[in-house]
Protein backbone atom coordinates (compact mmCIF):
# COMPACT_ATOMS: atom_id res chain seq x y z
CA MET A 1 -12.05 -17.39 -18.66
CA LEU A 2 -11.34 -15.95 -15.23
CA SER A 3 -13.90 -13.58 -13.71
CA SER A 4 -12.89 -9.99 -12.95
CA ALA A 5 -12.98 -10.85 -9.22
CA ALA A 6 -10.64 -13.80 -9.76
CA ILE A 7 -8.26 -11.66 -11.82
CA CYS A 8 -8.23 -9.01 -9.08
CA CYS A 9 -7.67 -11.69 -6.48
CA ARG A 10 -4.81 -13.24 -8.42
CA SER A 11 -3.14 -9.87 -9.03
CA SER A 12 -3.51 -8.81 -5.41
CA ARG A 13 -2.18 -12.06 -4.06
CA THR A 14 0.78 -12.03 -6.44
CA ARG A 15 1.86 -8.72 -4.92
CA CYS A 16 1.14 -9.90 -1.40
CA GLN A 17 2.96 -13.18 -1.92
CA GLU A 18 6.01 -11.26 -3.08
CA ARG A 19 5.85 -9.23 0.16
CA HIS A 20 5.68 -12.39 2.27
CA GLU A 21 8.58 -13.97 0.42
CA ARG A 22 10.73 -10.86 0.85
CA ALA A 23 9.86 -10.66 4.54
CA ALA A 24 10.74 -14.31 5.13
CA ALA A 25 14.00 -13.95 3.23
CA THR A 26 15.19 -11.07 5.39
CA MET A 27 14.50 -12.61 8.80
CA ASN A 28 18.06 -13.95 8.84
CA ASN A 29 20.34 -10.93 8.89
CA GLN A 30 23.44 -12.79 7.75
CA THR A 31 22.21 -14.36 4.51
CA ALA A 32 24.45 -15.00 1.54
CA GLU A 33 22.94 -11.91 -0.06
CA ASP A 34 23.96 -9.81 2.95
CA GLN A 35 27.51 -11.09 2.72
CA ALA A 36 27.61 -10.25 -0.98
CA LEU A 37 26.40 -6.74 -0.23
CA ILE A 38 29.17 -6.28 2.30
CA ARG A 39 31.79 -7.34 -0.24
CA ALA A 40 30.60 -5.21 -3.14
CA ARG A 41 27.94 -2.54 -2.78
CA GLU A 42 26.06 -1.09 -5.70
CA PHE A 43 25.65 2.16 -3.74
CA GLN A 44 27.89 3.77 -1.14
CA PHE A 45 26.21 3.45 2.25
CA THR A 46 27.90 5.48 4.97
CA ASP A 47 27.38 5.55 8.73
CA SER A 48 25.72 8.93 8.22
CA ASP A 49 23.26 7.41 5.72
CA PHE A 50 22.34 4.54 8.02
CA ASN A 51 21.98 6.73 11.12
CA ALA A 52 19.84 9.27 9.26
CA LEU A 53 17.51 6.58 7.91
CA ARG A 54 17.10 4.78 11.20
CA THR A 55 16.47 8.11 12.97
CA LEU A 56 13.74 8.89 10.44
CA VAL A 57 12.09 5.47 10.72
CA LYS A 58 12.15 5.81 14.52
CA GLU A 59 10.48 9.23 14.31
CA MET A 60 7.85 8.03 11.82
CA THR A 61 7.03 4.54 13.08
CA GLY A 62 8.54 4.09 16.53
CA ILE A 63 10.62 1.16 15.24
CA ASN A 64 14.07 1.10 16.79
CA LEU A 65 16.56 -0.35 14.28
CA ALA A 66 19.64 -1.83 15.89
CA ALA A 67 23.07 -1.63 14.30
CA SER A 68 22.65 -5.28 13.27
CA LYS A 69 19.89 -4.19 10.86
CA ARG A 70 22.28 -2.17 8.70
CA GLU A 71 22.40 -4.70 5.86
CA LEU A 72 18.64 -5.16 5.94
CA VAL A 73 18.19 -1.39 5.57
CA TYR A 74 20.72 -1.27 2.73
CA GLY A 75 19.07 -4.16 0.87
CA ARG A 76 15.53 -2.82 1.14
CA ILE A 77 16.22 0.84 0.48
CA SER A 78 18.53 0.00 -2.45
CA ARG A 79 15.40 -1.25 -4.20
CA ARG A 80 13.86 2.19 -3.76
CA LEU A 81 16.95 3.85 -5.26
CA ARG A 82 16.72 1.59 -8.32
CA ALA A 83 12.98 2.16 -8.68
CA LEU A 84 13.46 5.94 -8.53
CA GLY A 85 16.57 6.01 -10.71
CA LEU A 86 18.70 7.57 -7.97
CA SER A 87 22.45 7.09 -7.82
CA SER A 88 23.15 7.55 -4.11
CA PHE A 89 21.70 7.29 -0.63
CA GLY A 90 22.46 10.97 -0.24
CA ALA A 91 20.06 11.77 -3.08
CA TYR A 92 17.44 9.52 -1.53
CA ARG A 93 17.84 11.20 1.86
CA GLY A 94 17.36 14.54 0.12
CA LEU A 95 14.09 13.30 -1.38
CA LEU A 96 12.84 12.18 2.03
CA GLU A 97 13.92 15.44 3.66
CA SER A 98 11.99 17.38 1.02
CA GLY A 99 8.81 15.92 2.50
CA ASP A 100 7.76 13.83 -0.52
CA GLY A 101 4.65 12.21 0.97
CA SER A 102 4.39 9.22 -1.37
CA GLU A 103 8.05 8.31 -0.92
CA LEU A 104 7.87 8.65 2.87
CA VAL A 105 5.07 6.04 2.75
CA ALA A 106 7.14 3.81 0.45
CA PHE A 107 10.13 4.20 2.77
CA CYS A 108 8.12 3.04 5.80
CA ASN A 109 6.58 0.18 3.82
CA ALA A 110 10.01 -0.99 2.69
CA LEU A 111 11.27 -1.31 6.27
CA THR A 112 8.21 -3.07 7.67
CA THR A 113 8.42 -6.85 8.09
CA ASN A 114 5.05 -8.58 7.58
CA LEU A 115 5.03 -12.23 8.68
CA THR A 116 1.86 -13.77 10.05
CA SER A 117 -0.50 -16.73 9.73
CA PHE A 118 -4.06 -17.72 10.52
CA PHE A 119 -4.62 -18.47 14.23
CA ARG A 120 -0.99 -17.69 15.05
CA GLU A 121 -0.45 -18.23 18.81
CA SER A 122 -3.70 -20.19 18.89
CA HIS A 123 -4.04 -20.01 22.69
CA HIS A 124 -5.10 -16.37 22.29
CA PHE A 125 -8.06 -17.36 20.14
CA ASP A 126 -8.90 -20.18 22.54
CA TYR A 127 -8.98 -17.66 25.38
CA LEU A 128 -11.07 -15.24 23.34
CA ARG A 129 -13.58 -18.02 22.62
CA ASP A 130 -13.64 -19.82 25.97
CA GLU A 131 -13.48 -16.84 28.33
CA PHE A 132 -14.56 -13.61 26.70
CA LEU A 133 -17.02 -14.77 24.02
CA ALA A 134 -18.52 -17.53 26.19
CA ALA A 135 -19.26 -15.00 28.94
CA ARG A 136 -20.86 -12.62 26.46
CA ARG A 137 -22.94 -15.41 24.95
CA ASN A 138 -24.16 -16.48 28.38
CA ALA A 139 -25.10 -12.89 29.22
CA GLY A 140 -27.24 -12.69 26.10
CA LEU A 141 -27.95 -9.87 23.69
CA ARG A 142 -28.21 -7.28 26.45
CA SER A 143 -24.39 -7.24 26.20
CA GLY A 144 -24.50 -7.49 22.42
CA ARG A 145 -21.92 -4.80 21.58
CA ILE A 146 -18.48 -6.23 20.81
CA ARG A 147 -15.49 -4.16 19.67
CA ILE A 148 -12.10 -5.72 18.92
CA TRP A 149 -8.98 -4.07 17.50
CA SER A 150 -6.24 -5.86 15.57
CA SER A 151 -3.63 -3.12 15.82
CA ALA A 152 -0.91 -4.51 13.50
CA CYS A 153 -2.95 -6.70 11.19
CA SER A 154 -0.34 -7.18 8.45
CA SER A 155 -1.88 -9.20 5.58
CA GLY A 156 -5.10 -9.82 7.47
CA GLU A 157 -4.79 -13.29 8.93
CA GLU A 158 -5.21 -12.03 12.51
CA PRO A 159 -8.47 -10.08 12.11
CA TYR A 160 -9.96 -12.79 9.90
CA SER A 161 -9.04 -15.33 12.60
CA VAL A 162 -10.83 -13.16 15.17
CA ALA A 163 -13.88 -12.97 12.91
CA MET A 164 -13.91 -16.74 12.39
CA THR A 165 -13.67 -17.28 16.15
CA ILE A 166 -16.68 -15.02 16.70
CA MET A 167 -18.79 -16.66 14.00
CA GLU A 168 -17.98 -20.10 15.41
CA ALA A 169 -18.82 -19.00 18.96
CA PHE A 170 -22.16 -17.34 18.13
CA SER A 171 -24.68 -19.22 16.01
CA ASP A 172 -26.73 -16.00 15.97
CA TRP A 173 -23.80 -13.66 15.35
CA GLN A 174 -25.88 -11.60 12.86
CA LYS A 175 -28.00 -10.34 15.78
CA TRP A 176 -24.99 -8.95 17.62
CA ASP A 177 -23.37 -5.54 17.20
CA ILE A 178 -19.90 -6.78 16.26
CA LYS A 179 -17.15 -4.64 14.78
CA ILE A 180 -13.49 -5.52 14.28
CA LEU A 181 -11.02 -2.74 13.44
CA ALA A 182 -7.90 -3.93 11.62
CA THR A 183 -5.03 -1.48 11.21
CA ASP A 184 -1.45 -1.37 10.00
CA LEU A 185 1.17 1.22 9.16
CA ASP A 186 2.05 -0.41 5.82
CA SER A 187 -0.44 0.74 3.19
CA ASP A 188 0.59 -1.93 0.68
CA ILE A 189 0.14 -4.86 3.05
CA LEU A 190 -3.12 -3.32 4.30
CA ALA A 191 -4.47 -3.44 0.73
CA CYS A 192 -3.53 -7.12 0.63
CA ALA A 193 -5.42 -7.70 3.88
CA GLN A 194 -8.51 -5.91 2.65
CA SER A 195 -8.57 -8.01 -0.54
CA GLY A 196 -9.12 -11.12 1.62
CA CYS A 197 -7.60 -13.36 -1.04
CA TYR A 198 -4.93 -15.95 -0.18
CA THR A 199 -2.75 -18.47 -1.96
CA ALA A 200 -2.85 -22.12 -0.94
CA ASP A 201 0.32 -21.89 1.14
CA ARG A 202 -1.18 -19.08 3.24
CA VAL A 203 -4.20 -21.19 4.29
CA LYS A 204 -2.44 -24.52 4.69
CA GLY A 205 -2.70 -24.34 8.50
CA LEU A 206 -6.49 -24.12 8.40
CA ASP A 207 -8.55 -27.29 8.71
CA ALA A 208 -10.88 -28.39 5.92
CA LYS A 209 -14.00 -27.39 7.86
CA ARG A 210 -12.90 -23.77 8.23
CA LEU A 211 -11.75 -23.57 4.63
CA ALA A 212 -15.13 -24.82 3.43
CA ARG A 213 -17.13 -22.51 5.67
CA PHE A 214 -15.18 -19.26 5.43
CA PHE A 215 -13.55 -19.28 1.98
CA THR A 216 -14.49 -19.79 -1.65
CA GLU A 217 -11.90 -21.62 -3.72
CA SER A 218 -11.01 -20.84 -7.32
CA GLY A 219 -8.35 -21.89 -9.79
CA ALA A 220 -6.05 -24.90 -9.67
CA GLY A 221 -2.42 -25.69 -9.02
CA ALA A 222 -0.26 -22.59 -8.64
CA GLU A 223 -3.28 -20.44 -9.54
CA ARG A 224 -5.49 -21.76 -6.72
CA ARG A 225 -6.83 -18.94 -4.54
CA TYR A 226 -8.99 -18.74 -1.41
CA GLN A 227 -11.28 -15.73 -1.00
CA VAL A 228 -12.84 -14.92 2.38
CA ILE A 229 -16.63 -14.96 2.27
CA PRO A 230 -18.52 -11.63 2.46
CA ASP A 231 -20.02 -12.41 5.90
CA LEU A 232 -16.50 -12.69 7.33
CA ALA A 233 -15.17 -9.61 5.53
CA ASN A 234 -18.15 -7.49 6.56
CA LEU A 235 -17.24 -7.79 10.24
CA ILE A 236 -13.93 -6.00 9.64
CA THR A 237 -12.99 -2.40 8.85
CA PHE A 238 -9.43 -1.80 7.61
CA LYS A 239 -7.64 1.47 8.29
CA GLN A 240 -4.07 2.76 8.12
CA ILE A 241 -2.86 3.88 11.56
CA ASN A 242 0.55 4.83 12.91
CA LEU A 243 0.78 3.52 16.48
CA VAL A 244 3.23 6.22 17.58
CA HIS A 245 0.68 8.93 16.83
CA ASP A 246 -2.57 9.74 18.62
CA LEU A 247 -5.09 6.93 18.22
CA PRO A 248 -8.22 8.10 16.36
CA MET A 249 -10.76 5.53 17.62
CA PRO A 250 -12.97 6.50 20.57
CA GLY A 251 -13.31 3.15 22.37
CA PRO A 252 -14.17 1.43 24.54
CA LEU A 253 -12.55 -1.69 23.07
CA ASP A 254 -13.37 -5.06 24.59
CA ALA A 255 -10.19 -6.72 23.32
CA ILE A 256 -7.03 -5.48 21.62
CA PHE A 257 -4.55 -7.62 19.74
CA CYS A 258 -1.19 -5.80 19.79
CA ARG A 259 1.07 -8.71 18.92
CA ASN A 260 4.62 -8.91 17.60
CA VAL A 261 4.94 -5.19 16.97
CA VAL A 262 6.19 -3.54 20.18
CA ILE A 263 9.31 -5.74 20.15
CA TYR A 264 10.59 -3.22 17.60
CA PHE A 265 9.92 -0.26 19.93
CA ASP A 266 12.18 1.01 22.71
CA LYS A 267 10.79 1.13 26.25
CA GLU A 268 9.89 4.81 26.12
CA THR A 269 7.84 4.31 22.95
CA GLN A 270 6.19 1.21 24.44
CA ARG A 271 5.19 3.10 27.59
CA ALA A 272 3.67 5.94 25.57
CA LEU A 273 1.77 3.50 23.33
CA PHE A 274 0.25 1.47 26.16
CA ALA A 275 -0.70 4.64 28.02
CA ARG A 276 -2.73 5.62 24.95
CA ILE A 277 -4.15 2.10 24.58
CA ALA A 278 -5.21 1.97 28.23
CA LYS A 279 -7.44 4.99 27.68
CA LEU A 280 -9.42 2.99 25.12
CA GLN A 281 -10.28 0.18 27.55
CA ARG A 282 -12.36 -0.28 30.69
CA PRO A 283 -11.39 -2.37 33.71
CA GLY A 284 -11.75 -6.01 32.72
CA ASP A 285 -11.09 -5.51 28.99
CA LEU A 286 -8.46 -7.72 27.36
CA LEU A 287 -5.07 -7.09 25.74
CA PHE A 288 -3.16 -9.77 23.81
CA LEU A 289 0.60 -9.41 23.22
CA GLY A 290 3.06 -11.47 21.18
CA HIS A 291 4.89 -14.45 22.68
CA SER A 292 8.11 -12.49 23.28
CA GLU A 293 6.46 -9.30 24.55
CA THR A 294 5.68 -8.16 28.09
CA LEU A 295 4.32 -5.17 30.00
CA PHE A 296 6.84 -5.65 32.81
CA LYS A 297 8.22 -2.20 33.66
CA VAL A 298 6.16 -0.83 30.75
CA SER A 299 2.63 -0.40 32.13
CA ASP A 300 1.00 -0.97 35.50
CA GLU A 301 -2.49 -0.49 34.08
CA TYR A 302 -2.83 -4.15 33.11
CA ALA A 303 -2.61 -7.43 35.02
CA LEU A 304 -1.18 -10.61 33.49
CA ILE A 305 -3.86 -13.32 33.52
CA GLY A 306 -2.56 -15.88 31.02
CA ARG A 307 0.13 -16.54 28.41
CA THR A 308 0.69 -12.98 27.15
CA VAL A 309 -2.96 -12.22 27.98
CA TYR A 310 -3.58 -9.08 30.06
CA ARG A 311 -6.65 -7.58 31.71
CA ARG A 312 -7.18 -3.85 32.15
CA SER A 313 -6.93 -3.02 35.86
């Protein structure tokens, strides 16, 4: 018989796995499903509907949806219409305009793509270990306070990778004042992250040594699950945050991971975000961006020092 923890883990990961599969399926905008939607729509979807929805998502999340995302929006929001028993996008827009809080959250969640993996863009974690953490270790416990923010943590692989890097770098990590803040706009995916439970395909990029040290394994076959150990989980606090709003944390933050999220923002929104982020860091603190992101003509408060690695000026 499965333990209650295993049942919770399995249930949580079933929901999370469904999110990952949906996200992966929609990365290609011109799928066969998209073409079928164009030919025969279940719901009428006018230019007015699309423009109203993308204006709302821009206001709420900062995400700038291009015209090429029209079929993605139709496909994802159609699911909300079915779930709510609504017959038109007009009726759904009316619900959103009424200020229904729970549906506004569901709307944002539906249009958020959550694709990630453990140690994605591994050179960032190498830099964190070899430059930042090595310097702190050499300085000793007199510099024992470490604060790191994973600003768009998705299903949790990024903050858990940061925590693993720290525990590997410091044999005496328990003596240090270490806190990792992991945030995301999507409340559903944030719950997945906080559960810390992963299917076998989500951990397949991790080597056997890390799996043995940082996870407990349960189940077999399709039911096999990997649960992060309490020591790893206890380094991380999860919180829902909207990056286009005022940031609630006081700082200072030694390192910020803001990866593969600002590519969805226009330049004005990017500039405003990094102006807020800069206030949370001291000269010398680190900022990690995604492989296709840059601060060129966005912020002059950071200097590029490596592959999408920036230092606060």
